[in-house]
N, C-alpha and C. Protein backbone atom coordinates (compact mmCIF):
# COMPACT_ATOMS: atom_id res chain seq x y z
N UNK A 1 14.96 -89.72 118.51
CA UNK A 1 16.42 -90.07 119.51
C UNK A 1 16.62 -91.21 118.90
N UNK A 2 15.39 -92.01 119.62
CA UNK A 2 15.51 -93.72 119.24
C UNK A 2 16.55 -94.23 118.32
N UNK A 3 16.47 -93.51 116.83
CA UNK A 3 16.52 -93.72 115.84
C UNK A 3 17.94 -93.95 115.60
N UNK A 4 18.74 -92.68 116.60
CA UNK A 4 20.30 -92.13 116.76
C UNK A 4 20.66 -93.87 117.62
N UNK A 5 20.08 -93.68 118.62
CA UNK A 5 20.37 -94.99 119.69
C UNK A 5 20.56 -96.33 118.71
N UNK A 6 19.89 -96.88 117.99
CA UNK A 6 19.48 -97.84 117.19
C UNK A 6 20.63 -97.56 116.33
N UNK A 7 20.77 -96.56 115.64
CA UNK A 7 22.20 -96.40 114.33
C UNK A 7 23.68 -96.63 115.12
N UNK A 8 23.83 -96.03 116.82
CA UNK A 8 24.88 -96.55 117.27
C UNK A 8 24.99 -97.84 117.83
N UNK A 9 23.99 -98.40 118.35
CA UNK A 9 23.95 -99.98 118.27
C UNK A 9 23.93 -100.97 117.30
N UNK A 10 24.02 -100.53 115.85
CA UNK A 10 24.45 -101.14 114.90
C UNK A 10 25.81 -100.84 114.16
N UNK A 11 26.28 -99.87 114.83
CA UNK A 11 27.28 -99.57 114.43
C UNK A 11 28.31 -100.33 115.47
N UNK A 12 28.20 -100.06 116.42
CA UNK A 12 28.53 -101.07 117.76
C UNK A 12 28.80 -102.47 117.01
N UNK A 13 27.90 -102.68 116.81
CA UNK A 13 27.94 -104.67 116.31
C UNK A 13 28.80 -104.65 115.30
N UNK A 14 29.01 -103.97 114.31
CA UNK A 14 29.59 -104.34 112.97
C UNK A 14 30.74 -104.20 113.75
N UNK A 15 31.69 -102.83 114.27
CA UNK A 15 32.80 -102.45 114.91
C UNK A 15 33.15 -104.18 115.65
N UNK A 16 32.54 -104.50 116.49
CA UNK A 16 32.81 -105.75 117.29
C UNK A 16 32.56 -106.78 116.02
N UNK A 17 32.45 -107.00 115.29
CA UNK A 17 32.40 -108.31 114.37
C UNK A 17 34.08 -107.86 113.79
N UNK A 18 34.31 -106.68 113.44
CA UNK A 18 35.10 -106.27 112.29
C UNK A 18 36.15 -105.92 113.75
N UNK A 19 36.30 -106.17 114.75
CA UNK A 19 37.24 -106.93 115.44
C UNK A 19 38.02 -105.18 116.28
N UNK A 20 37.19 -104.36 116.60
CA UNK A 20 37.50 -102.82 116.82
C UNK A 20 36.74 -103.13 118.61
N UNK A 21 37.35 -103.58 119.27
CA UNK A 21 36.62 -103.66 120.67
C UNK A 21 36.19 -102.67 120.97
N UNK A 22 37.43 -101.44 121.26
CA UNK A 22 37.12 -100.50 121.86
C UNK A 22 36.25 -99.24 121.34
N UNK A 23 36.10 -99.33 119.60
CA UNK A 23 35.57 -98.08 118.99
C UNK A 23 33.61 -99.11 119.23
N UNK A 24 33.59 -100.78 119.63
CA UNK A 24 32.80 -100.93 119.73
C UNK A 24 31.81 -100.60 121.23
N UNK A 25 32.94 -100.50 122.20
CA UNK A 25 31.97 -100.58 123.35
C UNK A 25 32.14 -98.84 123.73
N UNK A 26 32.36 -98.04 122.78
CA UNK A 26 32.19 -96.76 122.76
C UNK A 26 30.60 -96.80 122.25
N UNK A 27 30.95 -96.86 120.66
CA UNK A 27 29.47 -96.82 120.68
C UNK A 27 28.07 -97.55 121.25
N UNK A 28 28.24 -99.05 122.10
CA UNK A 28 27.35 -99.34 122.90
C UNK A 28 27.26 -98.65 123.92
N UNK A 29 27.78 -97.36 124.65
CA UNK A 29 28.23 -96.74 125.96
C UNK A 29 27.22 -95.96 125.05
N UNK A 30 27.45 -95.18 124.26
CA UNK A 30 26.56 -93.83 123.54
C UNK A 30 24.97 -94.22 123.65
N UNK A 31 25.17 -95.36 122.64
CA UNK A 31 23.72 -95.88 122.41
C UNK A 31 22.82 -96.39 123.94
N UNK A 32 23.47 -96.73 124.87
CA UNK A 32 22.31 -97.31 125.82
C UNK A 32 22.19 -95.85 126.35
N UNK A 33 22.93 -95.17 126.69
CA UNK A 33 22.50 -93.71 127.20
C UNK A 33 21.27 -93.18 127.03
N UNK A 34 22.13 -92.88 125.11
CA UNK A 34 20.81 -92.33 124.27
C UNK A 34 19.39 -92.91 124.18
N UNK A 35 19.31 -94.50 124.75
CA UNK A 35 18.03 -95.11 124.95
C UNK A 35 17.05 -94.68 126.43
N UNK A 36 18.19 -94.71 127.51
CA UNK A 36 17.59 -94.40 128.62
C UNK A 36 17.12 -92.95 128.73
N UNK A 37 18.25 -92.13 127.52
CA UNK A 37 18.00 -90.86 128.19
C UNK A 37 16.29 -90.40 127.44
N UNK A 38 15.80 -91.09 126.16
CA UNK A 38 14.70 -91.48 125.46
C UNK A 38 13.51 -92.00 126.29
N UNK A 39 13.94 -93.12 126.67
CA UNK A 39 13.25 -93.81 127.68
C UNK A 39 12.79 -92.57 128.91
N UNK A 40 13.04 -92.10 129.52
CA UNK A 40 13.08 -90.72 130.54
C UNK A 40 12.07 -90.20 130.01
N UNK A 41 12.39 -89.31 129.01
CA UNK A 41 11.75 -88.45 128.03
C UNK A 41 10.17 -88.95 128.05
N UNK A 42 9.73 -90.20 127.58
CA UNK A 42 8.67 -91.01 127.12
C UNK A 42 7.76 -91.23 128.10
N UNK A 43 8.58 -91.58 129.58
CA UNK A 43 7.88 -91.63 130.72
C UNK A 43 7.50 -89.78 131.40
N UNK A 44 8.11 -88.98 131.02
CA UNK A 44 7.82 -87.51 131.89
C UNK A 44 6.79 -87.50 130.55
N UNK A 45 6.42 -87.39 129.52
CA UNK A 45 5.67 -86.79 128.72
C UNK A 45 4.33 -87.81 128.71
N UNK A 46 4.43 -89.29 128.98
CA UNK A 46 3.26 -89.63 129.36
C UNK A 46 2.20 -89.53 130.57
N UNK A 47 3.17 -89.11 131.85
CA UNK A 47 2.82 -89.13 132.84
C UNK A 47 2.46 -87.39 132.72
N UNK A 48 2.57 -86.27 132.28
CA UNK A 48 2.10 -84.97 132.03
C UNK A 48 1.33 -85.13 131.31
N UNK A 49 0.82 -86.10 130.11
CA UNK A 49 -0.56 -86.59 129.33
C UNK A 49 -1.28 -86.81 130.38
N UNK A 50 -1.12 -87.98 131.22
CA UNK A 50 -2.00 -88.24 131.94
C UNK A 50 -2.62 -87.22 132.87
N UNK A 51 -1.76 -86.62 133.25
CA UNK A 51 -2.03 -84.94 134.45
C UNK A 51 -2.90 -84.23 133.97
N UNK A 52 -3.02 -83.84 132.36
CA UNK A 52 -3.75 -83.00 131.41
C UNK A 52 -5.11 -83.49 131.81
N UNK A 53 -5.03 -84.92 132.22
CA UNK A 53 -6.44 -85.70 131.80
C UNK A 53 -6.68 -86.06 130.72
N UNK A 54 -5.68 -86.06 129.57
CA UNK A 54 -6.16 -86.60 127.98
C UNK A 54 -6.11 -87.94 127.65
N UNK A 55 -6.92 -88.71 127.02
CA UNK A 55 -6.74 -90.21 126.78
C UNK A 55 -5.48 -90.29 126.09
N UNK A 56 -4.72 -91.55 126.52
CA UNK A 56 -3.19 -92.12 126.22
C UNK A 56 -4.22 -91.97 124.24
N UNK A 57 -2.73 -92.18 123.44
CA UNK A 57 -2.81 -92.16 122.09
C UNK A 57 -2.92 -93.97 121.95
């Protein structure tokens, strides 16, 4: 999922360089949403692992 967010971010940068402002904003918005979803899922996974008593990897 993080790779999809990074891909959309790169597409947004390319679109912005080519002058497609609206498309770049859409790609950047989607990439931002995916990044925060990834971050929340990571934190949930870390907390669940800590509560089970497993050492961090």
